[in-house]
């Protein structure tokens, strides 16, 4: 039986599919799929380096924005909840 894709896997797929097209847009920032994927991977690496373990929690101190989306998907990619 096939396993369902995780949300972070679906995000990575969307980033690859979007490529250089805009994927995340807010009033102050626009990210292409490639930029959003790279930013989320960097966030995941920073969180893992700081000790985020699978199922660990992360608090966000930001409003709805491109940065918030990157933080959420970076957390999920690092295994956080």
C-alpha atoms as a PDB file:
ATOM      1  CA  UNK A   1       0.000   0.000   0.000  1.00  0.00           C
ATOM      2  CA  UNK A   2       1.237   3.496  -0.826  1.00  0.00           C
ATOM      3  CA  UNK A   3       1.871   5.883   2.040  1.00  0.00           C
ATOM      4  CA  UNK A   4       0.361   9.331   1.866  1.00  0.00           C
ATOM      5  CA  UNK A   5       2.833  12.142   1.300  1.00  0.00           C
ATOM      6  CA  UNK A   6       3.610  14.369   4.263  1.00  0.00           C
ATOM      7  CA  UNK A   7       2.788  18.060   4.167  1.00  0.00           C
ATOM      8  CA  UNK A   8       6.481  18.934   3.876  1.00  0.00           C
ATOM      9  CA  UNK A   9       6.830  16.513   0.925  1.00  0.00           C
ATOM     10  CA  UNK A  10       3.831  18.126  -0.767  1.00  0.00           C
ATOM     11  CA  UNK A  11       5.401  21.554  -0.210  1.00  0.00           C
ATOM     12  CA  UNK A  12       8.691  20.405  -1.757  1.00  0.00           C
ATOM     13  CA  UNK A  13       6.759  19.034  -4.739  1.00  0.00           C
ATOM     14  CA  UNK A  14       4.949  22.377  -5.120  1.00  0.00           C
ATOM     15  CA  UNK A  15       8.289  24.211  -4.953  1.00  0.00           C
ATOM     16  CA  UNK A  16       9.783  22.032  -7.690  1.00  0.00           C
ATOM     17  CA  UNK A  17       6.652  22.360  -9.815  1.00  0.00           C
ATOM     18  CA  UNK A  18       6.557  26.160  -9.444  1.00  0.00           C
ATOM     19  CA  UNK A  19      10.267  26.562 -10.150  1.00  0.00           C
ATOM     20  CA  UNK A  20      10.851  30.213 -11.012  1.00  0.00           C
ATOM     21  CA  UNK A  21       7.148  31.111 -10.809  1.00  0.00           C
ATOM     22  CA  UNK A  22       5.862  32.904  -7.715  1.00  0.00           C
ATOM     23  CA  UNK A  23       4.645  30.488  -5.081  1.00  0.00           C
ATOM     24  CA  UNK A  24       4.351  32.587  -1.926  1.00  0.00           C
ATOM     25  CA  UNK A  25       3.252  36.206  -2.112  1.00  0.00           C
ATOM     26  CA  UNK A  26       2.649  38.711   0.651  1.00  0.00           C
ATOM     27  CA  UNK A  27       2.559  42.515   0.519  1.00  0.00           C
ATOM     28  CA  UNK A  28       6.248  42.810   1.365  1.00  0.00           C
ATOM     29  CA  UNK A  29       7.827  39.784  -0.277  1.00  0.00           C
ATOM     30  CA  UNK A  30       7.429  37.418  -3.191  1.00  0.00           C
ATOM     31  CA  UNK A  31       9.118  34.015  -3.308  1.00  0.00           C
ATOM     32  CA  UNK A  32       9.427  31.719  -6.278  1.00  0.00           C
ATOM     33  CA  UNK A  33       9.078  27.999  -5.768  1.00  0.00           C
ATOM     34  CA  UNK A  34      12.846  27.604  -5.898  1.00  0.00           C
ATOM     35  CA  UNK A  35      13.380  30.398  -3.360  1.00  0.00           C
ATOM     36  CA  UNK A  36      10.678  29.112  -1.013  1.00  0.00           C
ATOM     37  CA  UNK A  37      12.042  25.566  -1.087  1.00  0.00           C
ATOM     38  CA  UNK A  38      15.601  26.733  -0.471  1.00  0.00           C
ATOM     39  CA  UNK A  39      14.500  29.004   2.388  1.00  0.00           C
ATOM     40  CA  UNK A  40      12.505  26.199   4.044  1.00  0.00           C
ATOM     41  CA  UNK A  41      15.471  23.811   3.747  1.00  0.00           C
ATOM     42  CA  UNK A  42      17.768  26.435   5.333  1.00  0.00           C
ATOM     43  CA  UNK A  43      15.267  26.932   8.165  1.00  0.00           C
ATOM     44  CA  UNK A  44      15.064  23.153   8.682  1.00  0.00           C
ATOM     45  CA  UNK A  45      18.852  22.875   8.826  1.00  0.00           C
ATOM     46  CA  UNK A  46      19.094  25.718  11.366  1.00  0.00           C
ATOM     47  CA  UNK A  47      16.400  24.163  13.547  1.00  0.00           C
ATOM     48  CA  UNK A  48      18.035  20.730  13.417  1.00  0.00           C
ATOM     49  CA  UNK A  49      21.422  22.274  14.268  1.00  0.00           C
ATOM     50  CA  UNK A  50      19.796  23.916  17.298  1.00  0.00           C
ATOM     51  CA  UNK A  51      18.496  20.586  18.532  1.00  0.00           C
ATOM     52  CA  UNK A  52      14.961  20.270  17.168  1.00  0.00           C
ATOM     53  CA  UNK A  53      14.108  16.606  17.479  1.00  0.00           C
ATOM     54  CA  UNK A  54      11.296  14.706  15.728  1.00  0.00           C
ATOM     55  CA  UNK A  55       7.988  15.763  17.191  1.00  0.00           C
ATOM     56  CA  UNK A  56       9.549  18.776  18.920  1.00  0.00           C
ATOM     57  CA  UNK A  57       7.711  22.060  18.991  1.00  0.00           C
ATOM     58  CA  UNK A  58       8.685  25.467  17.686  1.00  0.00           C
ATOM     59  CA  UNK A  59       7.083  28.824  18.490  1.00  0.00           C
ATOM     60  CA  UNK A  60       6.716  31.462  15.774  1.00  0.00           C
ATOM     61  CA  UNK A  61       6.734  35.161  16.512  1.00  0.00           C
ATOM     62  CA  UNK A  62       5.536  36.629  13.239  1.00  0.00           C
ATOM     63  CA  UNK A  63       2.321  37.565  11.553  1.00  0.00           C
ATOM     64  CA  UNK A  64       0.933  36.045   8.391  1.00  0.00           C
ATOM     65  CA  UNK A  65       3.722  36.477   5.861  1.00  0.00           C
ATOM     66  CA  UNK A  66       6.063  34.695   3.496  1.00  0.00           C
ATOM     67  CA  UNK A  67       8.480  34.312   6.421  1.00  0.00           C
ATOM     68  CA  UNK A  68       5.763  32.564   8.438  1.00  0.00           C
ATOM     69  CA  UNK A  69       5.116  30.077   5.624  1.00  0.00           C
ATOM     70  CA  UNK A  70       8.848  29.370   5.318  1.00  0.00           C
ATOM     71  CA  UNK A  71       9.112  28.866   9.092  1.00  0.00           C
ATOM     72  CA  UNK A  72       6.181  26.435   9.170  1.00  0.00           C
ATOM     73  CA  UNK A  73       7.454  24.331   6.284  1.00  0.00           C
ATOM     74  CA  UNK A  74      11.016  24.462   7.595  1.00  0.00           C
ATOM     75  CA  UNK A  75       9.792  23.161  10.954  1.00  0.00           C
ATOM     76  CA  UNK A  76       7.884  20.330   9.310  1.00  0.00           C
ATOM     77  CA  UNK A  77      10.874  19.439   7.118  1.00  0.00           C
ATOM     78  CA  UNK A  78      13.056  19.245  10.246  1.00  0.00           C
ATOM     79  CA  UNK A  79      10.562  16.834  11.824  1.00  0.00           C
ATOM     80  CA  UNK A  80       9.008  19.298  14.238  1.00  0.00           C
ATOM     81  CA  UNK A  81       5.359  19.571  15.044  1.00  0.00           C
END
